[in-house]
Amino acid sequence: DISAYTSDAMADFKPEDFDVVISCCGCGSKLDGDKAAWKQRPVFMDWNLDDPPAIDPGDLSAYRRVRDESKAKVWELLKTVV
């Protein structure tokens, strides 16, 4: 159950505290200048997932699909880093 989790701003964190960084909506291409350090972590991936609110904010099936895609990608990632 992930209902208690929130989305937090990157500015709240330091890149050097992370070994794995995932960009989810194609935002990796925007990590330039002072944000470039995020792409220089040992593992950086840009999964380019759909952004459900951009599809239809009221369509929960889009959120569920992206959730399921994310879960599958996390499981695949765990196989390679553990």
PDB file of N, CA and C in Angstrom:
ATOM      1  N   ASP A   1       0.843  -1.181   0.000  1.00  0.00           N
ATOM      2  CA  ASP A   1       0.000   0.000   0.000  1.00  0.00           C
ATOM      3  C   ASP A   1       0.892   1.250   0.000  1.00  0.00           C
ATOM      4  N   ILE A   2       0.781   2.061  -1.022  1.00  0.00           N
ATOM      5  CA  ILE A   2       1.621   3.264  -1.135  1.00  0.00           C
ATOM      6  C   ILE A   2       0.826   4.543  -0.905  1.00  0.00           C
ATOM      7  N   SER A   3      -0.374   4.422  -0.369  1.00  0.00           N
ATOM      8  CA  SER A   3      -1.254   5.588  -0.238  1.00  0.00           C
ATOM      9  C   SER A   3      -0.705   6.660   0.692  1.00  0.00           C
ATOM     10  N   ALA A   4       0.195   6.321   1.582  1.00  0.00           N
ATOM     11  CA  ALA A   4       0.739   7.311   2.520  1.00  0.00           C
ATOM     12  C   ALA A   4       1.964   8.050   1.980  1.00  0.00           C
ATOM     13  N   TYR A   5       2.459   7.624   0.834  1.00  0.00           N
ATOM     14  CA  TYR A   5       3.651   8.250   0.268  1.00  0.00           C
ATOM     15  C   TYR A   5       3.302   9.514  -0.500  1.00  0.00           C
ATOM     16  N   THR A   6       4.281  10.399  -0.629  1.00  0.00           N
ATOM     17  CA  THR A   6       4.065  11.655  -1.348  1.00  0.00           C
ATOM     18  C   THR A   6       5.146  11.839  -2.401  1.00  0.00           C
ATOM     19  N   SER A   7       4.922  12.745  -3.287  1.00  0.00           N
ATOM     20  CA  SER A   7       5.905  13.139  -4.278  1.00  0.00           C
ATOM     21  C   SER A   7       6.622  14.376  -3.742  1.00  0.00           C
ATOM     22  N   ASP A   8       7.937  14.295  -3.621  1.00  0.00           N
ATOM     23  CA  ASP A   8       8.704  15.390  -3.044  1.00  0.00           C
ATOM     24  C   ASP A   8       9.603  16.035  -4.097  1.00  0.00           C
ATOM     25  N   ALA A   9       9.912  17.281  -3.898  1.00  0.00           N
ATOM     26  CA  ALA A   9      10.743  18.033  -4.838  1.00  0.00           C
ATOM     27  C   ALA A   9      12.197  17.578  -4.769  1.00  0.00           C
ATOM     28  N   MET A  10      12.856  17.535  -5.919  1.00  0.00           N
ATOM     29  CA  MET A  10      14.271  17.177  -5.964  1.00  0.00           C
ATOM     30  C   MET A  10      15.107  18.116  -5.114  1.00  0.00           C
ATOM     31  N   ALA A  11      14.690  19.344  -5.001  1.00  0.00           N
ATOM     32  CA  ALA A  11      15.448  20.341  -4.235  1.00  0.00           C
ATOM     33  C   ALA A  11      15.579  19.953  -2.760  1.00  0.00           C
ATOM     34  N   ASP A  12      14.716  19.039  -2.307  1.00  0.00           N
ATOM     35  CA  ASP A  12      14.764  18.585  -0.922  1.00  0.00           C
ATOM     36  C   ASP A  12      15.847  17.538  -0.672  1.00  0.00           C
ATOM     37  N   PHE A  13      16.539  17.105  -1.736  1.00  0.00           N
ATOM     38  CA  PHE A  13      17.498  16.009  -1.629  1.00  0.00           C
ATOM     39  C   PHE A  13      18.835  16.388  -2.273  1.00  0.00           C
ATOM     40  N   LYS A  14      19.877  15.600  -1.952  1.00  0.00           N
ATOM     41  CA  LYS A  14      21.202  15.799  -2.541  1.00  0.00           C
ATOM     42  C   LYS A  14      21.543  14.585  -3.403  1.00  0.00           C
ATOM     43  N   PRO A  15      22.020  14.800  -4.631  1.00  0.00           N
ATOM     44  CA  PRO A  15      22.333  13.674  -5.515  1.00  0.00           C
ATOM     45  C   PRO A  15      23.314  12.680  -4.896  1.00  0.00           C
ATOM     46  N   GLU A  16      24.286  13.186  -4.150  1.00  0.00           N
ATOM     47  CA  GLU A  16      25.311  12.298  -3.594  1.00  0.00           C
ATOM     48  C   GLU A  16      24.757  11.322  -2.553  1.00  0.00           C
ATOM     49  N   ASP A  17      23.528  11.508  -2.122  1.00  0.00           N
ATOM     50  CA  ASP A  17      22.900  10.581  -1.176  1.00  0.00           C
ATOM     51  C   ASP A  17      22.269   9.379  -1.870  1.00  0.00           C
ATOM     52  N   PHE A  18      22.334   9.334  -3.203  1.00  0.00           N
ATOM     53  CA  PHE A  18      21.667   8.281  -3.963  1.00  0.00           C
ATOM     54  C   PHE A  18      22.629   7.552  -4.886  1.00  0.00           C
ATOM     55  N   ASP A  19      22.478   6.228  -4.960  1.00  0.00           N
ATOM     56  CA  ASP A  19      23.229   5.422  -5.919  1.00  0.00           C
ATOM     57  C   ASP A  19      22.405   5.143  -7.169  1.00  0.00           C
ATOM     58  N   VAL A  20      21.088   5.151  -7.025  1.00  0.00           N
ATOM     59  CA  VAL A  20      20.179   4.872  -8.139  1.00  0.00           C
ATOM     60  C   VAL A  20      19.208   6.039  -8.262  1.00  0.00           C
ATOM     61  N   VAL A  21      19.102   6.594  -9.465  1.00  0.00           N
ATOM     62  CA  VAL A  21      18.188   7.703  -9.735  1.00  0.00           C
ATOM     63  C   VAL A  21      17.349   7.335 -10.952  1.00  0.00           C
ATOM     64  N   ILE A  22      16.041   7.473 -10.811  1.00  0.00           N
ATOM     65  CA  ILE A  22      15.102   7.167 -11.883  1.00  0.00           C
ATOM     66  C   ILE A  22      14.317   8.422 -12.224  1.00  0.00           C
ATOM     67  N   SER A  23      14.357   8.808 -13.469  1.00  0.00           N
ATOM     68  CA  SER A  23      13.496   9.872 -13.982  1.00  0.00           C
ATOM     69  C   SER A  23      12.320   9.167 -14.645  1.00  0.00           C
ATOM     70  N   CYS A  24      11.114   9.615 -14.354  1.00  0.00           N
ATOM     71  CA  CYS A  24       9.946   8.831 -14.766  1.00  0.00           C
ATOM     72  C   CYS A  24       9.172   9.336 -15.977  1.00  0.00           C
ATOM     73  N   CYS A  25       9.181  10.583 -16.251  1.00  0.00           N
ATOM     74  CA  CYS A  25       8.313  11.098 -17.317  1.00  0.00           C
ATOM     75  C   CYS A  25       9.115  11.787 -18.409  1.00  0.00           C
ATOM     76  N   GLY A  26      10.294  11.261 -18.698  1.00  0.00           N
ATOM     77  CA  GLY A  26      11.132  11.873 -19.716  1.00  0.00           C
ATOM     78  C   GLY A  26      11.826  13.128 -19.251  1.00  0.00           C
ATOM     79  N   CYS A  27      11.832  13.340 -17.949  1.00  0.00           N
ATOM     80  CA  CYS A  27      12.414  14.572 -17.398  1.00  0.00           C
ATOM     81  C   CYS A  27      13.937  14.533 -17.324  1.00  0.00           C
ATOM     82  N   GLY A  28      14.528  13.379 -17.550  1.00  0.00           N
ATOM     83  CA  GLY A  28      15.982  13.271 -17.482  1.00  0.00           C
ATOM     84  C   GLY A  28      16.681  14.221 -18.414  1.00  0.00           C
ATOM     85  N   SER A  29      16.078  14.522 -19.547  1.00  0.00           N
ATOM     86  CA  SER A  29      16.684  15.441 -20.509  1.00  0.00           C
ATOM     87  C   SER A  29      16.731  16.876 -19.985  1.00  0.00           C
ATOM     88  N   LYS A  30      15.966  17.152 -18.936  1.00  0.00           N
ATOM     89  CA  LYS A  30      15.931  18.502 -18.361  1.00  0.00           C
ATOM     90  C   LYS A  30      16.915  18.683 -17.202  1.00  0.00           C
ATOM     91  N   LEU A  31      17.664  17.633 -16.893  1.00  0.00           N
ATOM     92  CA  LEU A  31      18.606  17.707 -15.775  1.00  0.00           C
ATOM     93  C   LEU A  31      19.941  18.264 -16.253  1.00  0.00           C
ATOM     94  N   ASP A  32      19.986  19.560 -16.413  1.00  0.00           N
ATOM     95  CA  ASP A  32      21.184  20.256 -16.871  1.00  0.00           C
ATOM     96  C   ASP A  32      21.674  21.204 -15.779  1.00  0.00           C
ATOM     97  N   GLY A  33      22.819  21.809 -16.023  1.00  0.00           N
ATOM     98  CA  GLY A  33      23.341  22.817 -15.095  1.00  0.00           C
ATOM     99  C   GLY A  33      23.543  22.249 -13.713  1.00  0.00           C
ATOM    100  N   ASP A  34      22.976  22.896 -12.710  1.00  0.00           N
ATOM    101  CA  ASP A  34      23.153  22.457 -11.333  1.00  0.00           C
ATOM    102  C   ASP A  34      22.441  21.142 -11.028  1.00  0.00           C
ATOM    103  N   LYS A  35      21.587  20.669 -11.933  1.00  0.00           N
ATOM    104  CA  LYS A  35      20.887  19.399 -11.740  1.00  0.00           C
ATOM    105  C   LYS A  35      21.568  18.233 -12.461  1.00  0.00           C
ATOM    106  N   ALA A  36      22.621  18.503 -13.210  1.00  0.00           N
ATOM    107  CA  ALA A  36      23.310  17.458 -13.975  1.00  0.00           C
ATOM    108  C   ALA A  36      23.896  16.370 -13.077  1.00  0.00           C
ATOM    109  N   ALA A  37      24.216  16.685 -11.841  1.00  0.00           N
ATOM    110  CA  ALA A  37      24.791  15.695 -10.918  1.00  0.00           C
ATOM    111  C   ALA A  37      23.873  14.494 -10.722  1.00  0.00           C
ATOM    112  N   TRP A  38      22.577  14.699 -10.891  1.00  0.00           N
ATOM    113  CA  TRP A  38      21.642  13.577 -10.743  1.00  0.00           C
ATOM    114  C   TRP A  38      21.894  12.511 -11.803  1.00  0.00           C
ATOM    115  N   LYS A  39      22.271  12.914 -12.998  1.00  0.00           N
ATOM    116  CA  LYS A  39      22.508  11.956 -14.081  1.00  0.00           C
ATOM    117  C   LYS A  39      23.867  11.272 -13.949  1.00  0.00           C
ATOM    118  N   GLN A  40      24.684  11.732 -13.024  1.00  0.00           N
ATOM    119  CA  GLN A  40      26.031  11.181 -12.863  1.00  0.00           C
ATOM    120  C   GLN A  40      26.113  10.171 -11.722  1.00  0.00           C
ATOM    121  N   ARG A  41      24.988   9.773 -11.189  1.00  0.00           N
ATOM    122  CA  ARG A  41      24.982   8.769 -10.138  1.00  0.00           C
ATOM    123  C   ARG A  41      25.343   7.411 -10.731  1.00  0.00           C
ATOM    124  N   PRO A  42      25.754   6.425  -9.908  1.00  0.00           N
ATOM    125  CA  PRO A  42      26.157   5.115 -10.449  1.00  0.00           C
ATOM    126  C   PRO A  42      25.118   4.486 -11.378  1.00  0.00           C
ATOM    127  N   VAL A  43      23.842   4.631 -11.047  1.00  0.00           N
ATOM    128  CA  VAL A  43      22.776   4.142 -11.921  1.00  0.00           C
ATOM    129  C   VAL A  43      21.810   5.293 -12.156  1.00  0.00           C
ATOM    130  N   PHE A  44      21.659   5.685 -13.415  1.00  0.00           N
ATOM    131  CA  PHE A  44      20.654   6.680 -13.787  1.00  0.00           C
ATOM    132  C   PHE A  44      19.844   6.114 -14.945  1.00  0.00           C
ATOM    133  N   MET A  45      18.527   6.140 -14.800  1.00  0.00           N
ATOM    134  CA  MET A  45      17.634   5.657 -15.852  1.00  0.00           C
ATOM    135  C   MET A  45      16.506   6.659 -16.054  1.00  0.00           C
ATOM    136  N   ASP A  46      16.107   6.822 -17.298  1.00  0.00           N
ATOM    137  CA  ASP A  46      14.952   7.648 -17.626  1.00  0.00           C
ATOM    138  C   ASP A  46      13.910   6.728 -18.235  1.00  0.00           C
ATOM    139  N   TRP A  47      12.892   6.399 -17.464  1.00  0.00           N
ATOM    140  CA  TRP A  47      11.905   5.413 -17.885  1.00  0.00           C
ATOM    141  C   TRP A  47      10.851   5.973 -18.825  1.00  0.00           C
ATOM    142  N   ASN A  48      10.728   7.257 -18.935  1.00  0.00           N
ATOM    143  CA  ASN A  48       9.793   7.879 -19.868  1.00  0.00           C
ATOM    144  C   ASN A  48       8.383   7.285 -19.785  1.00  0.00           C
ATOM    145  N   LEU A  49       7.865   7.211 -18.564  1.00  0.00           N
ATOM    146  CA  LEU A  49       6.501   6.728 -18.345  1.00  0.00           C
ATOM    147  C   LEU A  49       5.492   7.822 -18.696  1.00  0.00           C
ATOM    148  N   ASP A  50       4.293   7.399 -19.036  1.00  0.00           N
ATOM    149  CA  ASP A  50       3.228   8.367 -19.277  1.00  0.00           C
ATOM    150  C   ASP A  50       2.918   9.132 -17.997  1.00  0.00           C
ATOM    151  N   ASP A  51       2.454  10.354 -18.139  1.00  0.00           N
ATOM    152  CA  ASP A  51       2.047  11.193 -17.009  1.00  0.00           C
ATOM    153  C   ASP A  51       0.527  11.155 -16.941  1.00  0.00           C
ATOM    154  N   PRO A  52      -0.059  10.367 -16.021  1.00  0.00           N
ATOM    155  CA  PRO A  52      -1.519  10.182 -16.010  1.00  0.00           C
ATOM    156  C   PRO A  52      -2.341  11.466 -16.032  1.00  0.00           C
ATOM    157  N   PRO A  53      -1.979  12.518 -15.255  1.00  0.00           N
ATOM    158  CA  PRO A  53      -2.807  13.726 -15.339  1.00  0.00           C
ATOM    159  C   PRO A  53      -2.816  14.349 -16.737  1.00  0.00           C
ATOM    160  N   ALA A  54      -1.749  14.130 -17.494  1.00  0.00           N
ATOM    161  CA  ALA A  54      -1.702  14.675 -18.854  1.00  0.00           C
ATOM    162  C   ALA A  54      -2.610  13.885 -19.793  1.00  0.00           C
ATOM    163  N   ILE A  55      -2.899  12.638 -19.433  1.00  0.00           N
ATOM    164  CA  ILE A  55      -3.777  11.804 -20.256  1.00  0.00           C
ATOM    165  C   ILE A  55      -5.232  12.161 -19.948  1.00  0.00           C
ATOM    166  N   ASP A  56      -5.622  11.968 -18.706  1.00  0.00           N
ATOM    167  CA  ASP A  56      -6.974  12.290 -18.247  1.00  0.00           C
ATOM    168  C   ASP A  56      -6.960  12.218 -16.727  1.00  0.00           C
ATOM    169  N   PRO A  57      -6.967  13.364 -16.054  1.00  0.00           N
ATOM    170  CA  PRO A  57      -6.861  13.365 -14.591  1.00  0.00           C
ATOM    171  C   PRO A  57      -7.929  12.534 -13.885  1.00  0.00           C
ATOM    172  N   GLY A  58      -9.060  12.350 -14.503  1.00  0.00           N
ATOM    173  CA  GLY A  58     -10.137  11.593 -13.868  1.00  0.00           C
ATOM    174  C   GLY A  58     -10.131  10.116 -14.190  1.00  0.00           C
ATOM    175  N   ASP A  59      -9.227   9.680 -15.053  1.00  0.00           N
ATOM    176  CA  ASP A  59      -9.191   8.284 -15.491  1.00  0.00           C
ATOM    177  C   ASP A  59      -8.228   7.493 -14.608  1.00  0.00           C
ATOM    178  N   LEU A  60      -8.758   6.813 -13.620  1.00  0.00           N
ATOM    179  CA  LEU A  60      -7.905   6.049 -12.705  1.00  0.00           C
ATOM    180  C   LEU A  60      -7.196   4.896 -13.397  1.00  0.00           C
ATOM    181  N   SER A  61      -7.721   4.420 -14.514  1.00  0.00           N
ATOM    182  CA  SER A  61      -7.057   3.310 -15.198  1.00  0.00           C
ATOM    183  C   SER A  61      -5.680   3.728 -15.707  1.00  0.00           C
ATOM    184  N   ALA A  62      -5.508   4.991 -16.091  1.00  0.00           N
ATOM    185  CA  ALA A  62      -4.193   5.470 -16.526  1.00  0.00           C
ATOM    186  C   ALA A  62      -3.206   5.449 -15.351  1.00  0.00           C
ATOM    187  N   TYR A  63      -3.658   5.867 -14.187  1.00  0.00           N
ATOM    188  CA  TYR A  63      -2.807   5.835 -12.994  1.00  0.00           C
ATOM    189  C   TYR A  63      -2.424   4.393 -12.655  1.00  0.00           C
ATOM    190  N   ARG A  64      -3.392   3.509 -12.730  1.00  0.00           N
ATOM    191  CA  ARG A  64      -3.125   2.102 -12.396  1.00  0.00           C
ATOM    192  C   ARG A  64      -2.157   1.473 -13.394  1.00  0.00           C
ATOM    193  N   ARG A  65      -2.314   1.793 -14.651  1.00  0.00           N
ATOM    194  CA  ARG A  65      -1.412   1.251 -15.676  1.00  0.00           C
ATOM    195  C   ARG A  65       0.015   1.711 -15.430  1.00  0.00           C
ATOM    196  N   VAL A  66       0.196   3.006 -15.177  1.00  0.00           N
ATOM    197  CA  VAL A  66       1.543   3.540 -14.926  1.00  0.00           C
ATOM    198  C   VAL A  66       2.105   2.963 -13.626  1.00  0.00           C
ATOM    199  N   ARG A  67       1.254   2.797 -12.629  1.00  0.00           N
ATOM    200  CA  ARG A  67       1.691   2.158 -11.376  1.00  0.00           C
ATOM    201  C   ARG A  67       2.215   0.750 -11.649  1.00  0.00           C
ATOM    202  N   ASP A  68       1.485  -0.012 -12.449  1.00  0.00           N
ATOM    203  CA  ASP A  68       1.885  -1.379 -12.750  1.00  0.00           C
ATOM    204  C   ASP A  68       3.163  -1.411 -13.594  1.00  0.00           C
ATOM    205  N   GLU A  69       3.292  -0.491 -14.540  1.00  0.00           N
ATOM    206  CA  GLU A  69       4.518  -0.401 -15.338  1.00  0.00           C
ATOM    207  C   GLU A  69       5.711  -0.061 -14.438  1.00  0.00           C
ATOM    208  N   SER A  70       5.501   0.862 -13.508  1.00  0.00           N
ATOM    209  CA  SER A  70       6.567   1.250 -12.573  1.00  0.00           C
ATOM    210  C   SER A  70       6.982   0.072 -11.718  1.00  0.00           C
ATOM    211  N   LYS A  71       6.014  -0.648 -11.214  1.00  0.00           N
ATOM    212  CA  LYS A  71       6.313  -1.805 -10.368  1.00  0.00           C
ATOM    213  C   LYS A  71       7.147  -2.833 -11.129  1.00  0.00           C
ATOM    214  N   ALA A  72       6.767  -3.125 -12.358  1.00  0.00           N
ATOM    215  CA  ALA A  72       7.519  -4.098 -13.162  1.00  0.00           C
ATOM    216  C   ALA A  72       8.955  -3.614 -13.393  1.00  0.00           C
ATOM    217  N   LYS A  73       9.116  -2.333 -13.673  1.00  0.00           N
ATOM    218  CA  LYS A  73      10.451  -1.783 -13.906  1.00  0.00           C
ATOM    219  C   LYS A  73      11.303  -1.818 -12.632  1.00  0.00           C
ATOM    220  N   VAL A  74      10.683  -1.554 -11.486  1.00  0.00           N
ATOM    221  CA  VAL A  74      11.419  -1.623 -10.218  1.00  0.00           C
ATOM    222  C   VAL A  74      11.886  -3.049  -9.967  1.00  0.00           C
ATOM    223  N   TRP A  75      11.024  -4.036 -10.188  1.00  0.00           N
ATOM    224  CA  TRP A  75      11.429  -5.430  -9.997  1.00  0.00           C
ATOM    225  C   TRP A  75      12.590  -5.790 -10.919  1.00  0.00           C
ATOM    226  N   GLU A  76      12.552  -5.342 -12.168  1.00  0.00           N
ATOM    227  CA  GLU A  76      13.657  -5.612 -13.096  1.00  0.00           C
ATOM    228  C   GLU A  76      14.937  -4.926 -12.630  1.00  0.00           C
ATOM    229  N   LEU A  77      14.819  -3.696 -12.166  1.00  0.00           N
ATOM    230  CA  LEU A  77      15.972  -2.969 -11.667  1.00  0.00           C
ATOM    231  C   LEU A  77      16.590  -3.668 -10.463  1.00  0.00           C
ATOM    232  N   LEU A  78      15.752  -4.149  -9.552  1.00  0.00           N
ATOM    233  CA  LEU A  78      16.259  -4.829  -8.357  1.00  0.00           C
ATOM    234  C   LEU A  78      17.068  -6.075  -8.709  1.00  0.00           C
ATOM    235  N   LYS A  79      16.710  -6.749  -9.780  1.00  0.00           N
ATOM    236  CA  LYS A  79      17.475  -7.919 -10.224  1.00  0.00           C
ATOM    237  C   LYS A  79      18.898  -7.554 -10.624  1.00  0.00           C
ATOM    238  N   THR A  80      19.098  -6.313 -11.064  1.00  0.00           N
ATOM    239  CA  THR A  80      20.416  -5.916 -11.558  1.00  0.00           C
ATOM    240  C   THR A  80      21.275  -5.237 -10.501  1.00  0.00           C
ATOM    241  N   VAL A  81      20.682  -4.661  -9.470  1.00  0.00           N
ATOM    242  CA  VAL A  81      21.474  -3.906  -8.495  1.00  0.00           C
ATOM    243  C   VAL A  81      21.654  -4.628  -7.166  1.00  0.00           C
ATOM    244  N   VAL A  82      20.930  -5.699  -6.942  1.00  0.00           N
ATOM    245  CA  VAL A  82      21.043  -6.422  -5.664  1.00  0.00           C
ATOM    246  C   VAL A  82      21.956  -7.607  -5.810  1.00  0.00           C
TER     247      VAL A  82
END
